[in-house]
Amino acid sequence: MRITDYKVYQLGKGVAHGQTWASAAIIVKVTTSDGLVGFGEAVPTLRVQPVVASLHEVGRFYLGRDPTNLEFNVREWHKHDFYLPVSFESTTALSAFDIACWDILGKSLGAPLHRLLGGKFRERVKVYANGWYSDCVSPEQWAERTKVYVSKGYTALKFDPFGAYYDWIDDKGIAIAAERIAAVKSAGGSNLELLIEHHGRFRPNSAIAVGRALEQFDILFAEEPIHPEDIDGLEKYRNSTKLRVALGERVLTKEQLAQLAKRGLLDFFQADITNSGGPTEARKMVAIAEAFGIEMAFHNAFGPIQNAVTIQMDASIPNFLIQESFYDNFPQWKRDLIYDSTPVVNGHYSVSDKPGLGVEVNEKVLNELTVDGQEYFNPDEPVWVIGGTWKNG
């Protein structure tokens, strides 16, 4: 079996309110000599055009290769791409093809991914909601939206309460954030787990001041409290607060993870399967994390193919903590792309036993929503912000 063709789909439909990055998706379709088809997904966040170009670079390498020769193919591209370990565009392009190849392998064997990865630890995957708090500014708005998602069955919510503060935050900003967190905690009840997203926005002294203020809330973890390039700053934060730290969506290699783990800089790891080398590399990251006593909470913010492969990985690993989910906050067309087949029910995903990634792709949606050009950009609100929250009160 050989790869005979691939096609890159840049998708979009209007501007998705709440998460502007959700307005776009990048899907790759890989076709083999025996007619099997696999799908992968790459990361779109303000990088759509460079990522599409990188997919074509990786695509010409994969043409003619055996898609089931997973480890060899990844290592060969590592040999050819001189900047792979530090190029987000290259790592996400490689990830998309690797995901598609795992999909093909599963379909060729009539087995879901979790079976190929060692079997199933769990039938259901516990999730936390993200993207649920668009336009929430006042504590009352935060409380009312919390009640909506608790009523849907979610028992864990992640959110960024820091408004438009960046690099630094003053006492007023910390007090506003604490009021928002308190509102969510009160509205959600004692059984609701809180996960606080920092988006890697703070310098160490501000992050530490925030962390000390958050210790009263018994949160599950603080995510990316420090700018991700500031490793010494993260160590200072670890030595100055009692909060558990999660990070990883901007960690591109298993070697980076190993260095962070050896320094004891994280409690939970949030690898993103669509930017760290696909399942081939993600399973190695899982093993490294397990060796250091670190639980996994995969980053999962982009689209339905990423969501599907992440659920399969979650099912198969021993050191699973909790799974991020934007599914209820996707634009409808992203759910339609997989026939709305991975709903969140009572705060959990069910694990599919269908071959490959466990979902079927609606190619009509692929063809109808194909677009070109740069994605939407709002200079007044960073693309990573949940819409309508870049405000300090």
Protein backbone atom coordinates (compact mmCIF):
# COMPACT_ATOMS: atom_id res chain seq x y z
CA MET A 1 0.00 0.00 0.00
CA ARG A 2 1.30 3.43 -1.02
CA ILE A 3 0.11 6.99 -0.70
CA THR A 4 -1.04 8.05 -4.14
CA ASP A 5 -2.64 11.41 -3.45
CA TYR A 6 -3.38 14.00 -0.80
CA LYS A 7 -5.52 17.12 -0.68
CA VAL A 8 -5.39 20.06 1.71
CA TYR A 9 -8.67 21.73 2.64
CA GLN A 10 -8.67 25.22 4.10
CA LEU A 11 -12.15 25.59 5.58
CA GLY A 12 -14.12 28.54 6.89
CA LYS A 13 -17.58 30.02 7.21
CA GLY A 14 -17.95 33.56 8.52
CA VAL A 15 -16.36 34.58 11.81
CA ALA A 16 -17.08 32.34 14.77
CA HIS A 17 -18.02 34.43 17.77
CA GLY A 18 -16.36 33.31 20.94
CA GLN A 19 -13.25 31.83 19.40
CA THR A 20 -12.05 33.65 16.30
CA TRP A 21 -9.55 30.86 15.56
CA ALA A 22 -12.53 28.51 15.29
CA SER A 23 -13.55 30.32 12.10
CA ALA A 24 -10.91 28.30 10.26
CA ALA A 25 -9.84 24.69 9.98
CA ILE A 26 -7.14 22.91 8.00
CA ILE A 27 -7.88 19.30 7.03
CA VAL A 28 -5.74 16.95 4.99
CA LYS A 29 -7.14 13.96 3.10
CA VAL A 30 -4.68 11.19 2.25
CA THR A 31 -5.55 8.52 -0.35
CA THR A 32 -3.79 5.19 -0.83
CA SER A 33 -3.24 2.79 -3.73
CA ASP A 34 -5.89 0.39 -2.41
CA GLY A 35 -8.51 3.10 -2.02
CA LEU A 36 -8.27 3.67 1.73
CA VAL A 37 -8.57 7.27 2.87
CA GLY A 38 -7.29 8.87 6.06
CA PHE A 39 -7.87 12.33 7.49
CA GLY A 40 -5.62 14.58 9.54
CA GLU A 41 -5.85 18.10 10.92
CA ALA A 42 -3.36 20.93 11.33
CA VAL A 43 -3.42 24.00 13.58
CA PRO A 44 -4.88 27.19 12.04
CA THR A 45 -4.23 29.92 14.64
CA LEU A 46 -3.05 32.96 12.62
CA ARG A 47 -0.86 30.66 10.58
CA VAL A 48 -3.25 29.29 7.95
CA GLN A 49 -1.28 30.22 4.85
CA PRO A 50 2.15 29.15 6.16
CA VAL A 51 0.66 25.89 7.48
CA VAL A 52 -1.01 25.14 4.14
CA ALA A 53 2.33 25.71 2.40
CA SER A 54 4.06 23.42 4.91
CA LEU A 55 1.46 20.72 4.32
CA HIS A 56 2.37 20.70 0.65
CA GLU A 57 6.07 20.42 1.55
CA VAL A 58 5.40 17.44 3.82
CA GLY A 59 2.87 16.06 1.33
CA ARG A 60 5.37 15.70 -1.51
CA PHE A 61 7.58 13.75 0.91
CA TYR A 62 4.76 11.36 1.87
CA LEU A 63 3.65 10.67 -1.72
CA GLY A 64 4.64 7.14 -2.72
CA ARG A 65 5.37 6.05 0.84
CA ASP A 66 3.78 3.26 2.84
CA PRO A 67 1.42 5.04 5.27
CA THR A 68 1.72 2.21 7.81
CA ASN A 69 5.47 2.73 8.13
CA LEU A 70 4.77 5.37 10.75
CA GLU A 71 7.99 5.60 12.74
CA PHE A 72 10.21 5.44 9.67
CA ASN A 73 8.29 8.18 7.87
CA VAL A 74 8.47 10.56 10.84
CA ARG A 75 12.20 9.92 11.27
CA GLU A 76 12.84 10.42 7.55
CA TRP A 77 11.09 13.79 7.56
CA HIS A 78 13.09 14.71 10.67
CA LYS A 79 16.21 14.00 8.61
CA HIS A 80 15.11 16.17 5.70
CA ASP A 81 13.59 19.13 7.55
CA PHE A 82 16.51 20.93 9.18
CA TYR A 83 14.25 23.19 11.28
CA LEU A 84 11.57 20.68 12.25
CA PRO A 85 12.17 20.77 16.03
CA VAL A 86 11.66 24.55 16.19
CA SER A 87 9.20 25.16 13.36
CA PHE A 88 5.58 25.12 14.41
CA GLU A 89 4.48 25.12 10.77
CA SER A 90 6.51 22.03 10.01
CA THR A 91 5.55 20.12 13.16
CA THR A 92 1.82 20.72 12.65
CA ALA A 93 2.05 19.71 8.98
CA LEU A 94 3.87 16.51 9.92
CA SER A 95 1.28 15.89 12.64
CA ALA A 96 -1.60 16.14 10.17
CA PHE A 97 -0.06 13.52 7.87
CA ASP A 98 0.82 11.26 10.78
CA ILE A 99 -2.77 11.41 12.07
CA ALA A 100 -4.07 10.57 8.60
CA CYS A 101 -1.67 7.62 8.37
CA TRP A 102 -2.83 6.24 11.72
CA ASP A 103 -6.40 6.59 10.43
CA ILE A 104 -5.44 4.56 7.37
CA LEU A 105 -3.65 1.93 9.45
CA GLY A 106 -6.69 1.48 11.66
CA LYS A 107 -9.02 1.20 8.69
CA SER A 108 -6.72 -1.30 6.97
CA LEU A 109 -6.87 -3.53 10.07
CA GLY A 110 -10.51 -2.84 10.94
CA ALA A 111 -9.41 -1.52 14.35
CA PRO A 112 -9.84 1.76 16.25
CA LEU A 113 -6.74 3.70 17.14
CA HIS A 114 -6.97 2.86 20.84
CA ARG A 115 -6.58 -0.83 20.06
CA LEU A 116 -3.42 -0.13 18.05
CA LEU A 117 -2.07 2.00 20.90
CA GLY A 118 -2.35 -0.80 23.44
CA GLY A 119 -6.02 -1.17 24.27
CA LYS A 120 -8.64 0.66 26.24
CA PHE A 121 -8.33 1.92 29.82
CA ARG A 122 -11.73 3.61 29.79
CA GLU A 123 -15.03 3.58 27.91
CA ARG A 124 -15.70 7.25 28.63
CA VAL A 125 -13.39 10.25 28.75
CA LYS A 126 -14.03 12.96 31.33
CA VAL A 127 -13.89 16.46 29.86
CA TYR A 128 -13.81 20.05 30.95
CA ALA A 129 -15.58 22.73 28.95
CA ASN A 130 -13.64 25.55 27.33
CA GLY A 131 -14.92 28.40 25.18
CA TRP A 132 -18.09 28.60 27.27
CA TYR A 133 -17.65 32.13 28.67
CA SER A 134 -17.74 34.43 25.63
CA ASP A 135 -18.85 37.99 26.48
CA CYS A 136 -18.61 37.32 30.23
CA VAL A 137 -17.26 40.39 32.01
CA SER A 138 -19.21 41.04 35.23
CA PRO A 139 -19.28 38.43 38.01
CA GLU A 140 -23.02 38.08 37.42
CA GLN A 141 -22.47 37.16 33.78
CA TRP A 142 -19.85 34.60 34.78
CA ALA A 143 -22.21 33.07 37.33
CA GLU A 144 -25.16 32.80 34.93
CA ARG A 145 -23.06 31.16 32.21
CA THR A 146 -21.60 28.74 34.75
CA LYS A 147 -25.10 27.57 35.65
CA VAL A 148 -25.84 26.89 31.97
CA TYR A 149 -22.85 24.58 31.58
CA VAL A 150 -23.31 22.84 34.90
CA SER A 151 -26.88 22.12 33.76
CA LYS A 152 -25.40 20.45 30.65
CA GLY A 153 -23.59 17.98 32.91
CA TYR A 154 -20.10 19.47 32.99
CA THR A 155 -18.27 19.02 36.28
CA ALA A 156 -15.16 20.96 35.27
CA LEU A 157 -14.73 24.36 33.60
CA LYS A 158 -11.61 26.12 32.36
CA PHE A 159 -11.51 29.86 31.87
CA ASP A 160 -9.29 32.92 31.61
CA PRO A 161 -10.47 35.63 34.06
CA PHE A 162 -7.68 38.14 33.39
CA GLY A 163 -9.31 40.43 30.83
CA ALA A 164 -6.95 42.64 28.84
CA TYR A 165 -3.93 42.38 31.16
CA TYR A 166 -0.74 41.25 29.46
CA ASP A 167 2.83 40.91 30.80
CA TRP A 168 1.82 42.50 34.09
CA ILE A 169 -1.27 42.81 36.27
CA ASP A 170 -1.99 45.22 39.12
CA ASP A 171 -3.88 44.69 42.38
CA LYS A 172 -7.11 45.87 40.79
CA GLY A 173 -6.79 43.32 37.99
CA ILE A 174 -6.10 40.52 40.45
CA ALA A 175 -9.12 41.53 42.50
CA ILE A 176 -11.34 41.51 39.38
CA ALA A 177 -10.07 38.06 38.40
CA ALA A 178 -10.68 36.76 41.91
CA GLU A 179 -14.26 38.10 41.85
CA ARG A 180 -14.91 36.25 38.59
CA ILE A 181 -13.44 33.01 39.91
CA ALA A 182 -15.46 33.32 43.11
CA ALA A 183 -18.63 33.85 41.05
CA VAL A 184 -17.98 30.69 39.03
CA LYS A 185 -17.16 28.68 42.14
CA SER A 186 -20.31 29.87 43.96
CA ALA A 187 -22.59 29.29 40.97
CA GLY A 188 -21.13 25.89 40.14
CA GLY A 189 -21.19 24.37 43.58
CA SER A 190 -18.63 22.45 45.58
CA ASN A 191 -18.31 19.60 43.08
CA LEU A 192 -17.25 21.83 40.17
CA GLU A 193 -13.54 21.67 39.34
CA LEU A 194 -11.94 24.98 38.31
CA LEU A 195 -9.03 25.21 35.86
CA ILE A 196 -7.54 28.66 35.39
CA GLU A 197 -6.13 29.55 31.98
CA HIS A 198 -3.38 32.18 31.92
CA HIS A 199 -2.52 31.86 28.20
CA GLY A 200 1.18 32.23 28.99
CA ARG A 201 0.67 35.96 29.31
CA PHE A 202 2.52 37.03 32.47
CA ARG A 203 6.02 37.82 33.56
CA PRO A 204 7.12 36.02 36.73
CA ASN A 205 6.38 38.66 39.38
CA SER A 206 2.84 39.27 38.11
CA ALA A 207 2.20 35.54 37.72
CA ILE A 208 3.34 34.91 41.28
CA ALA A 209 1.06 37.65 42.62
CA VAL A 210 -1.83 36.06 40.72
CA GLY A 211 -0.90 32.59 41.93
CA ARG A 212 -0.89 33.57 45.58
CA ALA A 213 -4.32 35.16 45.17
CA LEU A 214 -5.66 31.99 43.52
CA GLU A 215 -4.50 29.61 46.24
CA GLN A 216 -7.72 30.24 48.19
CA PHE A 217 -9.86 28.66 45.44
CA ASP A 218 -8.45 25.10 45.42
CA ILE A 219 -8.15 25.06 41.63
CA LEU A 220 -7.16 21.90 39.76
CA PHE A 221 -4.37 23.66 37.90
CA ALA A 222 -2.97 26.96 36.64
CA GLU A 223 -2.33 26.67 32.91
CA GLU A 224 0.67 28.40 31.32
CA PRO A 225 1.11 31.00 34.08
CA ILE A 226 4.37 32.32 32.57
CA HIS A 227 5.39 33.29 29.04
CA PRO A 228 6.34 29.87 27.62
CA GLU A 229 9.87 30.86 26.59
CA ASP A 230 10.75 31.94 30.17
CA ILE A 231 11.81 28.63 31.73
CA ASP A 232 13.71 30.25 34.59
CA GLY A 233 10.65 32.39 35.29
CA LEU A 234 8.52 29.25 35.47
CA GLU A 235 10.95 27.79 37.99
CA LYS A 236 10.65 30.96 40.07
CA TYR A 237 6.87 30.61 39.92
CA ARG A 238 7.05 26.97 41.03
CA ASN A 239 9.16 27.94 44.01
CA SER A 240 6.84 30.79 44.99
CA THR A 241 3.30 29.35 44.79
CA LYS A 242 1.45 26.23 45.86
CA LEU A 243 -0.57 25.87 42.65
CA ARG A 244 -0.28 22.87 40.36
CA VAL A 245 0.93 23.79 36.88
CA ALA A 246 -0.28 22.52 33.50
CA LEU A 247 1.35 23.39 30.18
CA GLY A 248 2.30 21.86 26.87
CA GLU A 249 0.31 23.18 23.92
CA ARG A 250 3.44 25.06 22.81
CA VAL A 251 5.83 22.20 23.54
CA LEU A 252 6.68 20.74 20.14
CA THR A 253 9.01 17.85 21.00
CA LYS A 254 9.41 15.06 23.51
CA GLU A 255 12.89 16.39 24.26
CA GLN A 256 11.43 19.70 25.42
CA LEU A 257 9.05 17.80 27.68
CA ALA A 258 11.91 15.77 29.14
CA GLN A 259 13.81 18.94 30.07
CA LEU A 260 10.76 20.49 31.73
CA ALA A 261 9.98 17.27 33.59
CA LYS A 262 13.54 16.82 34.86
CA ARG A 263 13.40 20.31 36.36
CA GLY A 264 10.07 19.54 38.02
CA LEU A 265 8.32 22.44 36.32
CA LEU A 266 4.91 20.90 35.66
CA ASP A 267 2.32 18.63 37.22
CA PHE A 268 0.12 18.01 34.18
CA PHE A 269 1.13 17.91 30.52
CA GLN A 270 -1.03 19.31 27.71
CA ALA A 271 0.55 18.02 24.53
CA ASP A 272 -1.31 18.88 21.33
CA ILE A 273 -1.44 15.91 18.96
CA THR A 274 -1.81 18.28 16.00
CA ASN A 275 1.45 20.16 16.57
CA SER A 276 3.85 17.72 18.23
CA GLY A 277 4.18 14.95 15.66
CA GLY A 278 0.82 13.19 15.69
CA PRO A 279 0.13 9.98 17.63
CA THR A 280 3.59 8.65 16.75
CA GLU A 281 5.28 11.28 18.90
CA ALA A 282 2.41 11.89 21.34
CA ARG A 283 2.56 8.33 22.69
CA LYS A 284 6.25 8.89 23.51
CA MET A 285 5.38 12.08 25.33
CA VAL A 286 2.78 10.14 27.31
CA ALA A 287 5.44 7.62 28.34
CA ILE A 288 7.91 10.32 29.40
CA ALA A 289 5.19 12.03 31.42
CA GLU A 290 4.24 8.74 33.06
CA ALA A 291 7.86 8.12 34.07
CA PHE A 292 7.89 11.47 35.89
CA GLY A 293 4.50 10.98 37.55
CA ILE A 294 2.83 13.57 35.30
CA GLU A 295 -0.78 13.15 34.18
CA MET A 296 -1.98 14.01 30.66
CA ALA A 297 -4.59 16.60 29.75
CA PHE A 298 -4.24 16.99 25.97
CA HIS A 299 -4.74 20.41 24.41
CA ASN A 300 -7.71 20.16 22.06
CA ALA A 301 -9.03 23.48 20.75
CA PHE A 302 -9.24 23.34 16.98
CA GLY A 303 -11.48 20.90 15.18
CA PRO A 304 -13.27 17.57 14.94
CA ILE A 305 -10.40 15.47 13.55
CA GLN A 306 -8.11 16.65 16.32
CA ASN A 307 -10.91 15.93 18.77
CA ALA A 308 -11.42 12.41 17.43
CA VAL A 309 -7.74 11.39 17.55
CA THR A 310 -7.37 12.90 21.01
CA ILE A 311 -10.29 10.88 22.37
CA GLN A 312 -8.69 7.72 20.99
CA MET A 313 -5.42 8.57 22.68
CA ASP A 314 -7.17 9.38 25.97
CA ALA A 315 -8.81 5.97 25.97
CA SER A 316 -5.50 4.14 25.72
CA ILE A 317 -3.22 5.82 28.25
CA PRO A 318 -2.67 5.00 31.95
CA ASN A 319 -1.84 8.54 33.11
CA PHE A 320 -4.98 10.33 31.95
CA LEU A 321 -6.26 13.29 33.98
CA ILE A 322 -8.99 15.15 32.07
CA GLN A 323 -9.71 16.27 28.50
CA GLU A 324 -10.28 19.75 27.13
CA SER A 325 -13.42 20.12 25.02
CA PHE A 326 -14.63 22.95 22.81
CA TYR A 327 -17.14 20.65 21.14
CA ASP A 328 -20.26 22.42 22.41
CA ASN A 329 -18.72 25.73 21.35
CA PHE A 330 -17.58 24.74 17.86
CA PRO A 331 -19.28 26.42 14.92
CA GLN A 332 -22.01 24.02 13.78
CA TRP A 333 -20.17 23.20 10.56
CA LYS A 334 -17.31 21.64 12.53
CA ARG A 335 -19.74 19.25 14.19
CA ASP A 336 -21.39 18.61 10.82
CA LEU A 337 -18.01 17.65 9.38
CA ILE A 338 -18.13 14.41 11.40
CA TYR A 339 -21.92 14.03 11.44
CA ASP A 340 -21.99 15.37 15.01
CA SER A 341 -20.70 11.99 16.17
CA THR A 342 -18.68 12.91 19.29
CA PRO A 343 -21.18 14.74 21.54
CA VAL A 344 -20.40 15.52 25.16
CA VAL A 345 -22.90 13.67 27.35
CA ASN A 346 -22.92 14.36 31.09
CA GLY A 347 -19.42 15.77 30.93
CA HIS A 348 -17.90 12.83 29.03
CA TYR A 349 -17.00 11.63 25.55
CA SER A 350 -17.79 8.05 24.62
CA VAL A 351 -14.90 6.17 23.01
CA SER A 352 -15.69 5.02 19.48
CA ASP A 353 -14.78 1.48 18.38
CA LYS A 354 -15.07 2.32 14.68
CA PRO A 355 -11.89 1.73 12.66
CA GLY A 356 -9.20 4.39 12.54
CA LEU A 357 -10.00 7.66 14.26
CA GLY A 358 -13.51 6.43 15.02
CA VAL A 359 -15.37 9.07 12.98
CA GLU A 360 -16.63 9.41 9.43
CA VAL A 361 -15.96 12.63 7.52
CA ASN A 362 -18.70 14.38 5.57
CA GLU A 363 -16.83 15.27 2.40
CA LYS A 364 -19.73 17.42 1.23
CA VAL A 365 -18.85 19.83 4.04
CA LEU A 366 -15.19 19.73 2.98
CA ASN A 367 -16.07 20.74 -0.55
CA GLU A 368 -18.73 23.31 0.31
CA LEU A 369 -16.69 25.24 2.89
CA THR A 370 -13.34 25.40 1.10
CA VAL A 371 -11.92 28.94 1.22
CA ASP A 372 -8.68 30.71 0.38
CA GLY A 373 -6.66 33.62 1.70
CA GLN A 374 -5.75 34.80 5.16
CA GLU A 375 -8.06 34.16 8.08
CA TYR A 376 -9.91 36.81 10.06
CA PHE A 377 -7.77 39.09 12.20
CA ASN A 378 -8.95 41.53 14.87
CA PRO A 379 -6.17 43.93 15.94
CA ASP A 380 -8.15 44.89 19.04
CA GLU A 381 -8.47 41.37 20.49
CA PRO A 382 -5.81 38.64 20.31
CA VAL A 383 -6.86 35.55 18.39
CA TRP A 384 -6.37 33.31 21.45
CA VAL A 385 -8.89 35.24 23.53
CA ILE A 386 -12.43 33.99 24.08
CA GLY A 387 -14.52 36.62 22.28
CA GLY A 388 -15.76 39.61 24.22
CA THR A 389 -13.56 39.03 27.27
CA TRP A 390 -10.60 41.29 26.40
CA LYS A 391 -11.89 43.80 28.93
CA ASN A 392 -10.92 44.76 32.44
CA GLY A 393 -14.40 45.57 33.69
